[in-house]
Amino acid sequence: MAGQRLLVPRLEGVSREQFMQHLYPQRKPLVLEGIDLGACTSKWTVDYLSQVGGKKEVKIHVATVAQMDFISKNFIYRTLPFEELVQRAAEEKHKEFFISEDEKYYLRSLGEDPRKDVADIRKQFPLLEGDIKFPKFFKEEQFFSSVFRISSPGLQLWTHYDVMDNFLIQVTGKKRVVLFSPRDAQYLYLSGTKSEVLNIDNPDLTKYPLFSKARRYECSLEAGDILFIPALWFHNVISEEFGVGVNIFWKHLPSECYDKTDTYGNKDPVAASRAAQILDRALRTLAELPEEYRDFYARQMVLHIQEKAYSKNFE
């Protein structure tokens, strides 16, 4: 099992002012209850979504296993009419399928042209716009995207981080979410923005011994709950039953800090990418030295980074 377990705090009836002045600056996950989300929490049934979404084609992930892995890509991409995706995702067994009768489906909605356009359900699914109210807990100019997510029961999404702040709105159904602090990144065996550890409840500690040191924050989300996920916090999402969620991403940093080609909200800030490239060049330069010198100067570089770059209150 992983290390220390902490429950994500839950607060009811939080106002915009309360959130912005007292809660947001803490940069920690938080479940908000009792926020007015409009009619969506009662209205977005399987039949209603099928009818309103209609035959619009959507690109989906199809997996034969519950734990999806973006690193090894243990899923395939397929396209379905939205109405058919909703019907299939709500089923346990399928009469029509791509791989197997118990395959699982995952939709992460995209912009019209995913290379240029961000996802915004108000544009891609305009007939649903009147059903949902976005929490106005940030400035309008900070808004980045709103992403429709639909998952089959039991599906688990890989642990990853995003570079923008995020409200995960659970519209219908239930999810279990496990989060890890950015300061525990060293224990998560990262490949890019994603963790290699798929089975977070029963990890292979022979293969991933440091994972036991990671503190996990947990919460359960039901219809109407909103989870605030600050940028850089790792999260692993398990759909405990069929349900619909909407993610709202917004920019915590000034716009110029983000990669302008990023339509998914998962490319590292420009300065971070530039620093990583400089570090790679420095390490390639060190490779010109014999091993004992490389070892010595690499350790000196690590000490220098710890001394100069980490915040003063870094644990």
C-alpha atoms as a PDB file:
ATOM      1  CA  MET A   1       0.000   0.000   0.000  1.00  0.00           C
ATOM      2  CA  ALA A   2       1.036   3.610  -0.396  1.00  0.00           C
ATOM      3  CA  GLY A   3       2.035   5.765   2.536  1.00  0.00           C
ATOM      4  CA  GLN A   4      -0.013   8.155   4.609  1.00  0.00           C
ATOM      5  CA  ARG A   5      -3.695   8.569   3.627  1.00  0.00           C
ATOM      6  CA  LEU A   6      -5.486  11.881   4.046  1.00  0.00           C
ATOM      7  CA  LEU A   7      -9.077  12.820   3.258  1.00  0.00           C
ATOM      8  CA  VAL A   8      -9.660  15.793   0.977  1.00  0.00           C
ATOM      9  CA  PRO A   9     -11.645  18.392   2.977  1.00  0.00           C
ATOM     10  CA  ARG A  10     -15.291  18.974   2.013  1.00  0.00           C
ATOM     11  CA  LEU A  11     -17.007  22.350   2.355  1.00  0.00           C
ATOM     12  CA  GLU A  12     -20.620  23.260   1.651  1.00  0.00           C
ATOM     13  CA  GLY A  13     -22.009  26.487   0.212  1.00  0.00           C
ATOM     14  CA  VAL A  14     -18.662  28.195  -0.401  1.00  0.00           C
ATOM     15  CA  SER A  15     -18.986  31.663  -1.951  1.00  0.00           C
ATOM     16  CA  ARG A  16     -16.749  33.004  -4.720  1.00  0.00           C
ATOM     17  CA  GLU A  17     -15.234  35.499  -2.275  1.00  0.00           C
ATOM     18  CA  GLN A  18     -14.518  32.792   0.324  1.00  0.00           C
ATOM     19  CA  PHE A  19     -12.898  30.574  -2.290  1.00  0.00           C
ATOM     20  CA  MET A  20     -10.765  33.280  -3.893  1.00  0.00           C
ATOM     21  CA  GLN A  21      -9.588  34.954  -0.688  1.00  0.00           C
ATOM     22  CA  HIS A  22      -9.143  32.071   1.742  1.00  0.00           C
ATOM     23  CA  LEU A  23      -9.191  28.670   0.018  1.00  0.00           C
ATOM     24  CA  TYR A  24      -7.642  29.148  -3.428  1.00  0.00           C
ATOM     25  CA  PRO A  25      -4.359  30.610  -2.110  1.00  0.00           C
ATOM     26  CA  GLN A  26      -3.738  27.434  -0.090  1.00  0.00           C
ATOM     27  CA  ARG A  27      -3.204  25.481  -3.350  1.00  0.00           C
ATOM     28  CA  LYS A  28      -4.669  22.260  -1.961  1.00  0.00           C
ATOM     29  CA  PRO A  29      -7.452  19.979  -3.232  1.00  0.00           C
ATOM     30  CA  LEU A  30     -10.931  20.667  -1.918  1.00  0.00           C
ATOM     31  CA  VAL A  31     -14.418  19.229  -2.509  1.00  0.00           C
ATOM     32  CA  LEU A  32     -17.132  21.874  -2.837  1.00  0.00           C
ATOM     33  CA  GLU A  33     -20.711  20.847  -2.095  1.00  0.00           C
ATOM     34  CA  GLY A  34     -23.983  22.654  -2.686  1.00  0.00           C
ATOM     35  CA  ILE A  35     -22.836  24.853  -5.596  1.00  0.00           C
ATOM     36  CA  ASP A  36     -25.620  25.643  -8.079  1.00  0.00           C
ATOM     37  CA  LEU A  37     -24.742  23.750 -11.268  1.00  0.00           C
ATOM     38  CA  GLY A  38     -28.101  24.143 -12.996  1.00  0.00           C
ATOM     39  CA  ALA A  39     -30.415  21.367 -14.154  1.00  0.00           C
ATOM     40  CA  CYS A  40     -27.654  19.033 -15.433  1.00  0.00           C
ATOM     41  CA  THR A  41     -27.384  16.906 -12.252  1.00  0.00           C
ATOM     42  CA  SER A  42     -30.965  15.664 -12.678  1.00  0.00           C
ATOM     43  CA  LYS A  43     -31.452  16.176 -16.409  1.00  0.00           C
ATOM     44  CA  TRP A  44     -28.402  14.433 -17.900  1.00  0.00           C
ATOM     45  CA  THR A  45     -29.754  10.879 -18.044  1.00  0.00           C
ATOM     46  CA  VAL A  46     -28.584   8.340 -20.610  1.00  0.00           C
ATOM     47  CA  ASP A  47     -31.697   8.889 -22.753  1.00  0.00           C
ATOM     48  CA  TYR A  48     -31.516  12.689 -22.582  1.00  0.00           C
ATOM     49  CA  LEU A  49     -27.805  12.849 -23.435  1.00  0.00           C
ATOM     50  CA  SER A  50     -28.285  10.389 -26.308  1.00  0.00           C
ATOM     51  CA  GLN A  51     -31.101  12.505 -27.711  1.00  0.00           C
ATOM     52  CA  VAL A  52     -29.355  15.878 -27.352  1.00  0.00           C
ATOM     53  CA  GLY A  53     -25.846  14.699 -28.369  1.00  0.00           C
ATOM     54  CA  GLY A  54     -27.295  12.812 -31.316  1.00  0.00           C
ATOM     55  CA  LYS A  55     -25.136  11.463 -34.109  1.00  0.00           C
ATOM     56  CA  LYS A  56     -22.193  13.820 -33.557  1.00  0.00           C
ATOM     57  CA  GLU A  57     -19.053  11.701 -34.040  1.00  0.00           C
ATOM     58  CA  VAL A  58     -16.695  11.540 -31.046  1.00  0.00           C
ATOM     59  CA  LYS A  59     -13.251   9.997 -30.691  1.00  0.00           C
ATOM     60  CA  ILE A  60     -13.057   7.620 -27.730  1.00  0.00           C
ATOM     61  CA  HIS A  61     -10.645   5.318 -25.873  1.00  0.00           C
ATOM     62  CA  VAL A  62     -11.661   1.644 -25.861  1.00  0.00           C
ATOM     63  CA  ALA A  63     -10.007  -0.659 -23.304  1.00  0.00           C
ATOM     64  CA  THR A  64     -10.394  -4.314 -22.367  1.00  0.00           C
ATOM     65  CA  VAL A  65      -8.932  -3.734 -18.894  1.00  0.00           C
ATOM     66  CA  ALA A  66     -10.057  -1.421 -16.098  1.00  0.00           C
ATOM     67  CA  GLN A  67      -6.693   0.276 -15.520  1.00  0.00           C
ATOM     68  CA  MET A  68      -5.886   2.436 -18.513  1.00  0.00           C
ATOM     69  CA  ASP A  69      -2.219   3.139 -19.170  1.00  0.00           C
ATOM     70  CA  PHE A  70      -1.257   6.080 -21.366  1.00  0.00           C
ATOM     71  CA  ILE A  71       2.436   5.111 -21.324  1.00  0.00           C
ATOM     72  CA  SER A  72       2.037   1.601 -22.794  1.00  0.00           C
ATOM     73  CA  LYS A  73      -1.213   2.590 -24.595  1.00  0.00           C
ATOM     74  CA  ASN A  74      -3.235  -0.465 -23.503  1.00  0.00           C
ATOM     75  CA  PHE A  75      -6.281   0.869 -25.355  1.00  0.00           C
ATOM     76  CA  ILE A  76      -7.325   1.728 -28.880  1.00  0.00           C
ATOM     77  CA  TYR A  77      -8.939   4.834 -30.340  1.00  0.00           C
ATOM     78  CA  ARG A  78     -12.246   4.488 -32.123  1.00  0.00           C
ATOM     79  CA  THR A  79     -15.044   6.777 -33.284  1.00  0.00           C
ATOM     80  CA  LEU A  80     -18.724   6.454 -32.390  1.00  0.00           C
ATOM     81  CA  PRO A  81     -21.822   8.636 -32.683  1.00  0.00           C
ATOM     82  CA  PHE A  82     -22.263  10.377 -29.321  1.00  0.00           C
ATOM     83  CA  GLU A  83     -25.679   8.758 -28.747  1.00  0.00           C
ATOM     84  CA  GLU A  84     -24.177   5.291 -29.194  1.00  0.00           C
ATOM     85  CA  LEU A  85     -21.194   6.024 -26.936  1.00  0.00           C
ATOM     86  CA  VAL A  86     -23.514   7.058 -24.084  1.00  0.00           C
ATOM     87  CA  GLN A  87     -25.641   3.933 -24.497  1.00  0.00           C
ATOM     88  CA  ARG A  88     -22.612   1.626 -24.600  1.00  0.00           C
ATOM     89  CA  ALA A  89     -20.782   3.309 -21.708  1.00  0.00           C
ATOM     90  CA  ALA A  90     -23.848   2.784 -19.499  1.00  0.00           C
ATOM     91  CA  GLU A  91     -23.902  -0.980 -20.244  1.00  0.00           C
ATOM     92  CA  GLU A  92     -21.920  -3.708 -18.488  1.00  0.00           C
ATOM     93  CA  LYS A  93     -22.054  -6.072 -21.501  1.00  0.00           C
ATOM     94  CA  HIS A  94     -22.313  -5.013 -25.149  1.00  0.00           C
ATOM     95  CA  LYS A  95     -24.129  -6.599 -28.062  1.00  0.00           C
ATOM     96  CA  GLU A  96     -22.007  -4.499 -30.393  1.00  0.00           C
ATOM     97  CA  PHE A  97     -18.335  -3.974 -29.572  1.00  0.00           C
ATOM     98  CA  PHE A  98     -14.851  -3.367 -31.020  1.00  0.00           C
ATOM     99  CA  ILE A  99     -12.755  -5.877 -29.032  1.00  0.00           C
ATOM    100  CA  SER A 100     -14.830  -7.695 -26.398  1.00  0.00           C
ATOM    101  CA  GLU A 101     -18.345  -7.673 -24.983  1.00  0.00           C
ATOM    102  CA  ASP A 102     -17.133  -6.216 -21.654  1.00  0.00           C
ATOM    103  CA  GLU A 103     -14.832  -3.532 -23.112  1.00  0.00           C
ATOM    104  CA  LYS A 104     -14.813  -0.121 -21.434  1.00  0.00           C
ATOM    105  CA  TYR A 105     -15.194   3.338 -22.951  1.00  0.00           C
ATOM    106  CA  TYR A 106     -13.737   6.707 -22.096  1.00  0.00           C
ATOM    107  CA  LEU A 107     -14.522  10.039 -23.733  1.00  0.00           C
ATOM    108  CA  ARG A 108     -12.429  13.151 -23.283  1.00  0.00           C
ATOM    109  CA  SER A 109     -14.121  15.690 -25.529  1.00  0.00           C
ATOM    110  CA  LEU A 110     -11.984  17.632 -28.005  1.00  0.00           C
ATOM    111  CA  GLY A 111     -12.150  20.907 -29.901  1.00  0.00           C
ATOM    112  CA  GLU A 112     -13.404  20.924 -33.487  1.00  0.00           C
ATOM    113  CA  ASP A 113      -9.792  20.729 -34.676  1.00  0.00           C
ATOM    114  CA  PRO A 114      -7.872  19.273 -31.694  1.00  0.00           C
ATOM    115  CA  ARG A 115      -4.577  20.690 -33.019  1.00  0.00           C
ATOM    116  CA  LYS A 116      -5.919  24.253 -32.938  1.00  0.00           C
ATOM    117  CA  ASP A 117      -9.080  24.362 -30.827  1.00  0.00           C
ATOM    118  CA  VAL A 118      -9.529  23.720 -27.110  1.00  0.00           C
ATOM    119  CA  ALA A 119     -12.486  21.690 -25.863  1.00  0.00           C
ATOM    120  CA  ASP A 120     -15.487  23.738 -24.755  1.00  0.00           C
ATOM    121  CA  ILE A 121     -18.738  21.831 -24.294  1.00  0.00           C
ATOM    122  CA  ARG A 122     -20.648  25.069 -24.880  1.00  0.00           C
ATOM    123  CA  LYS A 123     -19.327  25.049 -28.462  1.00  0.00           C
ATOM    124  CA  GLN A 124     -19.153  21.308 -29.177  1.00  0.00           C
ATOM    125  CA  PHE A 125     -22.498  20.517 -27.466  1.00  0.00           C
ATOM    126  CA  PRO A 126     -24.448  23.814 -27.635  1.00  0.00           C
ATOM    127  CA  LEU A 127     -27.795  22.178 -26.779  1.00  0.00           C
ATOM    128  CA  LEU A 128     -26.393  21.249 -23.346  1.00  0.00           C
ATOM    129  CA  GLU A 129     -25.098  24.722 -22.511  1.00  0.00           C
ATOM    130  CA  GLY A 130     -28.336  25.872 -20.892  1.00  0.00           C
ATOM    131  CA  ASP A 131     -28.336  22.877 -18.511  1.00  0.00           C
ATOM    132  CA  ILE A 132     -25.067  23.572 -16.725  1.00  0.00           C
ATOM    133  CA  LYS A 133     -23.789  26.566 -14.787  1.00  0.00           C
ATOM    134  CA  PHE A 134     -20.020  26.904 -14.507  1.00  0.00           C
ATOM    135  CA  PRO A 135     -18.835  28.043 -11.065  1.00  0.00           C
ATOM    136  CA  LYS A 136     -17.587  31.624 -11.521  1.00  0.00           C
ATOM    137  CA  PHE A 137     -14.706  31.185  -9.104  1.00  0.00           C
ATOM    138  CA  PHE A 138     -12.093  32.681 -11.407  1.00  0.00           C
ATOM    139  CA  LYS A 139     -11.898  35.580 -13.860  1.00  0.00           C
ATOM    140  CA  GLU A 140     -13.485  35.057 -17.275  1.00  0.00           C
ATOM    141  CA  GLU A 141     -10.210  35.820 -19.081  1.00  0.00           C
ATOM    142  CA  GLN A 142      -8.522  32.984 -17.169  1.00  0.00           C
ATOM    143  CA  PHE A 143     -10.873  30.364 -18.668  1.00  0.00           C
ATOM    144  CA  PHE A 144      -9.047  27.797 -20.812  1.00  0.00           C
ATOM    145  CA  SER A 145     -11.346  24.864 -21.577  1.00  0.00           C
ATOM    146  CA  SER A 146     -14.368  22.823 -20.503  1.00  0.00           C
ATOM    147  CA  VAL A 147     -14.043  19.106 -21.142  1.00  0.00           C
ATOM    148  CA  PHE A 148     -16.842  16.537 -21.305  1.00  0.00           C
ATOM    149  CA  ARG A 149     -15.839  13.213 -19.703  1.00  0.00           C
ATOM    150  CA  ILE A 150     -17.854  10.021 -19.894  1.00  0.00           C
ATOM    151  CA  SER A 151     -16.594   6.734 -18.422  1.00  0.00           C
ATOM    152  CA  SER A 152     -17.773   3.155 -18.235  1.00  0.00           C
ATOM    153  CA  PRO A 153     -18.254   1.753 -14.711  1.00  0.00           C
ATOM    154  CA  GLY A 154     -14.996   0.546 -13.122  1.00  0.00           C
ATOM    155  CA  LEU A 155     -12.697   2.437 -15.480  1.00  0.00           C
ATOM    156  CA  GLN A 156      -9.543   3.861 -13.899  1.00  0.00           C
ATOM    157  CA  LEU A 157      -7.615   6.723 -15.486  1.00  0.00           C
ATOM    158  CA  TRP A 158      -3.822   6.818 -15.164  1.00  0.00           C
ATOM    159  CA  THR A 159      -2.203   9.082 -12.546  1.00  0.00           C
ATOM    160  CA  HIS A 160      -1.147  12.367 -14.157  1.00  0.00           C
ATOM    161  CA  TYR A 161      -0.845  16.088 -13.558  1.00  0.00           C
ATOM    162  CA  ASP A 162      -2.147  19.094 -15.489  1.00  0.00           C
ATOM    163  CA  VAL A 163      -0.443  22.487 -15.691  1.00  0.00           C
ATOM    164  CA  MET A 164      -3.644  24.469 -15.134  1.00  0.00           C
ATOM    165  CA  ASP A 165      -6.094  24.688 -12.262  1.00  0.00           C
ATOM    166  CA  ASN A 166      -9.117  22.482 -12.632  1.00  0.00           C
ATOM    167  CA  PHE A 167     -12.651  22.006 -11.340  1.00  0.00           C
ATOM    168  CA  LEU A 168     -13.784  18.402 -11.791  1.00  0.00           C
ATOM    169  CA  ILE A 169     -17.587  18.630 -11.716  1.00  0.00           C
ATOM    170  CA  GLN A 170     -19.296  15.308 -11.070  1.00  0.00           C
ATOM    171  CA  VAL A 171     -22.604  15.795 -12.869  1.00  0.00           C
ATOM    172  CA  THR A 172     -23.985  12.250 -12.524  1.00  0.00           C
ATOM    173  CA  GLY A 173     -22.627   8.988 -11.097  1.00  0.00           C
ATOM    174  CA  LYS A 174     -19.818   8.432  -8.606  1.00  0.00           C
ATOM    175  CA  LYS A 175     -16.041   8.688  -8.790  1.00  0.00           C
ATOM    176  CA  ARG A 176     -13.219   7.943  -6.386  1.00  0.00           C
ATOM    177  CA  VAL A 177     -10.252  10.268  -6.786  1.00  0.00           C
ATOM    178  CA  VAL A 178      -6.779   9.771  -5.333  1.00  0.00           C
ATOM    179  CA  LEU A 179      -4.392  12.725  -5.430  1.00  0.00           C
ATOM    180  CA  PHE A 180      -0.699  13.202  -4.712  1.00  0.00           C
ATOM    181  CA  SER A 181       1.096  16.437  -3.908  1.00  0.00           C
ATOM    182  CA  PRO A 182       3.556  17.875  -6.458  1.00  0.00           C
ATOM    183  CA  ARG A 183       6.161  17.520  -3.707  1.00  0.00           C
ATOM    184  CA  ASP A 184       5.785  13.741  -3.857  1.00  0.00           C
ATOM    185  CA  ALA A 185       6.615  13.597  -7.578  1.00  0.00           C
ATOM    186  CA  GLN A 186       9.921  11.908  -6.732  1.00  0.00           C
ATOM    187  CA  TYR A 187       8.004   8.833  -5.479  1.00  0.00           C
ATOM    188  CA  LEU A 188       5.648   8.423  -8.439  1.00  0.00           C
ATOM    189  CA  TYR A 189       7.980   7.035 -11.146  1.00  0.00           C
ATOM    190  CA  LEU A 190       7.100   9.610 -13.762  1.00  0.00           C
ATOM    191  CA  SER A 191       7.224   9.354 -17.515  1.00  0.00           C
ATOM    192  CA  GLY A 192       6.466  12.875 -18.683  1.00  0.00           C
ATOM    193  CA  THR A 193       3.273  14.018 -16.938  1.00  0.00           C
ATOM    194  CA  LYS A 194       2.195  10.465 -16.072  1.00  0.00           C
ATOM    195  CA  SER A 195       3.044   7.899 -13.393  1.00  0.00           C
ATOM    196  CA  GLU A 196       4.116   4.372 -14.320  1.00  0.00           C
ATOM    197  CA  VAL A 197       2.341   2.981 -11.221  1.00  0.00           C
ATOM    198  CA  LEU A 198      -1.050   1.803 -12.467  1.00  0.00           C
ATOM    199  CA  ASN A 199      -2.322  -0.196  -9.520  1.00  0.00           C
ATOM    200  CA  ILE A 200      -2.194   2.503  -6.863  1.00  0.00           C
ATOM    201  CA  ASP A 201      -4.251   0.459  -4.365  1.00  0.00           C
ATOM    202  CA  ASN A 202      -1.985  -2.573  -4.502  1.00  0.00           C
ATOM    203  CA  PRO A 203       1.290  -1.376  -6.063  1.00  0.00           C
ATOM    204  CA  ASP A 204       4.233  -3.627  -6.893  1.00  0.00           C
ATOM    205  CA  LEU A 205       6.647  -2.273  -4.281  1.00  0.00           C
ATOM    206  CA  THR A 206       9.429  -4.512  -5.545  1.00  0.00           C
ATOM    207  CA  LYS A 207       9.287  -2.629  -8.827  1.00  0.00           C
ATOM    208  CA  TYR A 208       8.243   0.739  -7.321  1.00  0.00           C
ATOM    209  CA  PRO A 209       9.661   0.806  -3.762  1.00  0.00           C
ATOM    210  CA  LEU A 210       9.551   4.609  -3.360  1.00  0.00           C
ATOM    211  CA  PHE A 211       5.810   4.682  -4.045  1.00  0.00           C
ATOM    212  CA  SER A 212       5.190   3.664  -0.428  1.00  0.00           C
ATOM    213  CA  LYS A 213       6.462   7.108   0.632  1.00  0.00           C
ATOM    214  CA  ALA A 214       3.840   9.031  -1.354  1.00  0.00           C
ATOM    215  CA  ARG A 215       1.054  10.576   0.738  1.00  0.00           C
ATOM    216  CA  ARG A 216      -2.304  10.024  -0.888  1.00  0.00           C
ATOM    217  CA  TYR A 217      -5.279  12.332  -0.589  1.00  0.00           C
ATOM    218  CA  GLU A 218      -8.637  10.676  -1.262  1.00  0.00           C
ATOM    219  CA  CYS A 219     -12.225  11.699  -1.873  1.00  0.00           C
ATOM    220  CA  SER A 220     -15.479  10.307  -3.261  1.00  0.00           C
ATOM    221  CA  LEU A 221     -17.483  12.445  -5.646  1.00  0.00           C
ATOM    222  CA  GLU A 222     -21.239  12.184  -6.124  1.00  0.00           C
ATOM    223  CA  ALA A 223     -23.630  14.075  -8.378  1.00  0.00           C
ATOM    224  CA  GLY A 224     -23.259  17.807  -7.750  1.00  0.00           C
ATOM    225  CA  ASP A 225     -19.826  17.634  -6.100  1.00  0.00           C
ATOM    226  CA  ILE A 226     -16.937  19.739  -7.428  1.00  0.00           C
ATOM    227  CA  LEU A 227     -13.312  18.795  -6.817  1.00  0.00           C
ATOM    228  CA  PHE A 228     -10.781  21.607  -7.029  1.00  0.00           C
ATOM    229  CA  ILE A 229      -7.501  20.166  -8.366  1.00  0.00           C
ATOM    230  CA  PRO A 230      -4.702  22.749  -8.260  1.00  0.00           C
ATOM    231  CA  ALA A 231      -2.185  22.744 -11.112  1.00  0.00           C
ATOM    232  CA  LEU A 232       0.610  20.143 -10.742  1.00  0.00           C
ATOM    233  CA  TRP A 233      -1.353  17.956  -8.293  1.00  0.00           C
ATOM    234  CA  PHE A 234      -1.341  14.353  -9.511  1.00  0.00           C
ATOM    235  CA  HIS A 235      -4.720  12.662  -9.715  1.00  0.00           C
ATOM    236  CA  ASN A 236      -6.022   9.168 -10.404  1.00  0.00           C
ATOM    237  CA  VAL A 237      -9.740   8.855 -11.172  1.00  0.00           C
ATOM    238  CA  ILE A 238     -11.860   5.706 -10.793  1.00  0.00           C
ATOM    239  CA  SER A 239     -15.433   5.723 -12.116  1.00  0.00           C
ATOM    240  CA  GLU A 240     -17.328   3.646  -9.558  1.00  0.00           C
ATOM    241  CA  GLU A 241     -20.452   3.724 -11.733  1.00  0.00           C
ATOM    242  CA  PHE A 242     -21.459   5.140 -15.098  1.00  0.00           C
ATOM    243  CA  GLY A 243     -21.374   8.894 -14.940  1.00  0.00           C
ATOM    244  CA  VAL A 244     -20.747  12.178 -16.652  1.00  0.00           C
ATOM    245  CA  GLY A 245     -18.187  14.750 -15.546  1.00  0.00           C
ATOM    246  CA  VAL A 246     -17.120  18.155 -16.794  1.00  0.00           C
ATOM    247  CA  ASN A 247     -13.637  19.530 -16.198  1.00  0.00           C
ATOM    248  CA  ILE A 248     -13.137  23.285 -16.269  1.00  0.00           C
ATOM    249  CA  PHE A 249      -9.517  24.358 -16.677  1.00  0.00           C
ATOM    250  CA  TRP A 250      -8.300  27.895 -16.106  1.00  0.00           C
ATOM    251  CA  LYS A 251      -4.967  29.678 -16.156  1.00  0.00           C
ATOM    252  CA  HIS A 252      -3.378  30.215 -12.771  1.00  0.00           C
ATOM    253  CA  LEU A 253      -0.345  31.947 -14.336  1.00  0.00           C
ATOM    254  CA  PRO A 254      -0.315  34.858 -16.825  1.00  0.00           C
ATOM    255  CA  SER A 255      -1.248  33.690 -20.346  1.00  0.00           C
ATOM    256  CA  GLU A 256       2.254  34.257 -21.744  1.00  0.00           C
ATOM    257  CA  CYS A 257       3.630  31.576 -19.386  1.00  0.00           C
ATOM    258  CA  TYR A 258       1.809  28.803 -21.278  1.00  0.00           C
ATOM    259  CA  ASP A 259       2.701  27.107 -24.553  1.00  0.00           C
ATOM    260  CA  LYS A 260       0.493  28.684 -27.226  1.00  0.00           C
ATOM    261  CA  THR A 261       0.262  25.378 -29.131  1.00  0.00           C
ATOM    262  CA  ASP A 262      -1.191  23.568 -26.097  1.00  0.00           C
ATOM    263  CA  THR A 263      -4.859  22.704 -26.700  1.00  0.00           C
ATOM    264  CA  TYR A 264      -5.059  19.999 -24.002  1.00  0.00           C
ATOM    265  CA  GLY A 265      -3.662  22.013 -21.086  1.00  0.00           C
ATOM    266  CA  ASN A 266      -0.924  19.476 -20.361  1.00  0.00           C
ATOM    267  CA  LYS A 267       2.235  20.999 -21.825  1.00  0.00           C
ATOM    268  CA  ASP A 268       4.643  22.327 -19.218  1.00  0.00           C
ATOM    269  CA  PRO A 269       4.958  26.122 -18.910  1.00  0.00           C
ATOM    270  CA  VAL A 270       7.379  27.660 -21.398  1.00  0.00           C
ATOM    271  CA  ALA A 271       9.995  28.511 -18.742  1.00  0.00           C
ATOM    272  CA  ALA A 272       9.897  24.951 -17.334  1.00  0.00           C
ATOM    273  CA  SER A 273      10.364  23.433 -20.804  1.00  0.00           C
ATOM    274  CA  ARG A 274      13.236  25.806 -21.529  1.00  0.00           C
ATOM    275  CA  ALA A 275      14.915  24.960 -18.200  1.00  0.00           C
ATOM    276  CA  ALA A 276      14.583  21.219 -18.915  1.00  0.00           C
ATOM    277  CA  GLN A 277      16.249  21.690 -22.327  1.00  0.00           C
ATOM    278  CA  ILE A 278      19.105  23.636 -20.731  1.00  0.00           C
ATOM    279  CA  LEU A 279      19.550  20.895 -18.123  1.00  0.00           C
ATOM    280  CA  ASP A 280      19.656  18.230 -20.851  1.00  0.00           C
ATOM    281  CA  ARG A 281      22.390  20.176 -22.612  1.00  0.00           C
ATOM    282  CA  ALA A 282      24.319  20.486 -19.337  1.00  0.00           C
ATOM    283  CA  LEU A 283      24.110  16.735 -18.749  1.00  0.00           C
ATOM    284  CA  ARG A 284      25.263  15.978 -22.298  1.00  0.00           C
ATOM    285  CA  THR A 285      28.235  18.295 -21.658  1.00  0.00           C
ATOM    286  CA  LEU A 286      29.060  16.400 -18.447  1.00  0.00           C
ATOM    287  CA  ALA A 287      29.100  13.171 -20.462  1.00  0.00           C
ATOM    288  CA  GLU A 288      32.408  14.351 -21.975  1.00  0.00           C
ATOM    289  CA  LEU A 289      34.095  13.685 -18.616  1.00  0.00           C
ATOM    290  CA  PRO A 290      35.224  10.336 -17.143  1.00  0.00           C
ATOM    291  CA  GLU A 291      32.716   8.575 -14.856  1.00  0.00           C
ATOM    292  CA  GLU A 292      34.089   9.695 -11.478  1.00  0.00           C
ATOM    293  CA  TYR A 293      34.097  13.333 -12.626  1.00  0.00           C
ATOM    294  CA  ARG A 294      30.579  13.016 -14.051  1.00  0.00           C
ATOM    295  CA  ASP A 295      29.370  11.586 -10.770  1.00  0.00           C
ATOM    296  CA  PHE A 296      31.036  14.328  -8.716  1.00  0.00           C
ATOM    297  CA  TYR A 297      29.841  17.280 -10.799  1.00  0.00           C
ATOM    298  CA  ALA A 298      26.331  15.862 -11.261  1.00  0.00           C
ATOM    299  CA  ARG A 299      25.990  15.681  -7.482  1.00  0.00           C
ATOM    300  CA  GLN A 300      27.254  19.251  -7.233  1.00  0.00           C
ATOM    301  CA  MET A 301      24.575  20.310  -9.722  1.00  0.00           C
ATOM    302  CA  VAL A 302      21.857  18.580  -7.683  1.00  0.00           C
ATOM    303  CA  LEU A 303      23.020  20.383  -4.533  1.00  0.00           C
ATOM    304  CA  HIS A 304      23.077  23.675  -6.421  1.00  0.00           C
ATOM    305  CA  ILE A 305      19.491  23.156  -7.638  1.00  0.00           C
ATOM    306  CA  GLN A 306      18.322  22.270  -4.136  1.00  0.00           C
ATOM    307  CA  GLU A 307      19.983  25.360  -2.713  1.00  0.00           C
ATOM    308  CA  LYS A 308      18.930  27.874  -5.372  1.00  0.00           C
ATOM    309  CA  ALA A 309      15.681  26.681  -6.951  1.00  0.00           C
ATOM    310  CA  TYR A 310      13.562  25.045  -4.247  1.00  0.00           C
ATOM    311  CA  SER A 311      11.264  27.220  -2.154  1.00  0.00           C
ATOM    312  CA  LYS A 312      12.482  27.998   1.348  1.00  0.00           C
ATOM    313  CA  ASN A 313       9.737  25.923   2.962  1.00  0.00           C
ATOM    314  CA  PHE A 314      10.397  22.850   0.815  1.00  0.00           C
ATOM    315  CA  GLU A 315      10.228  19.713   2.945  1.00  0.00           C
END
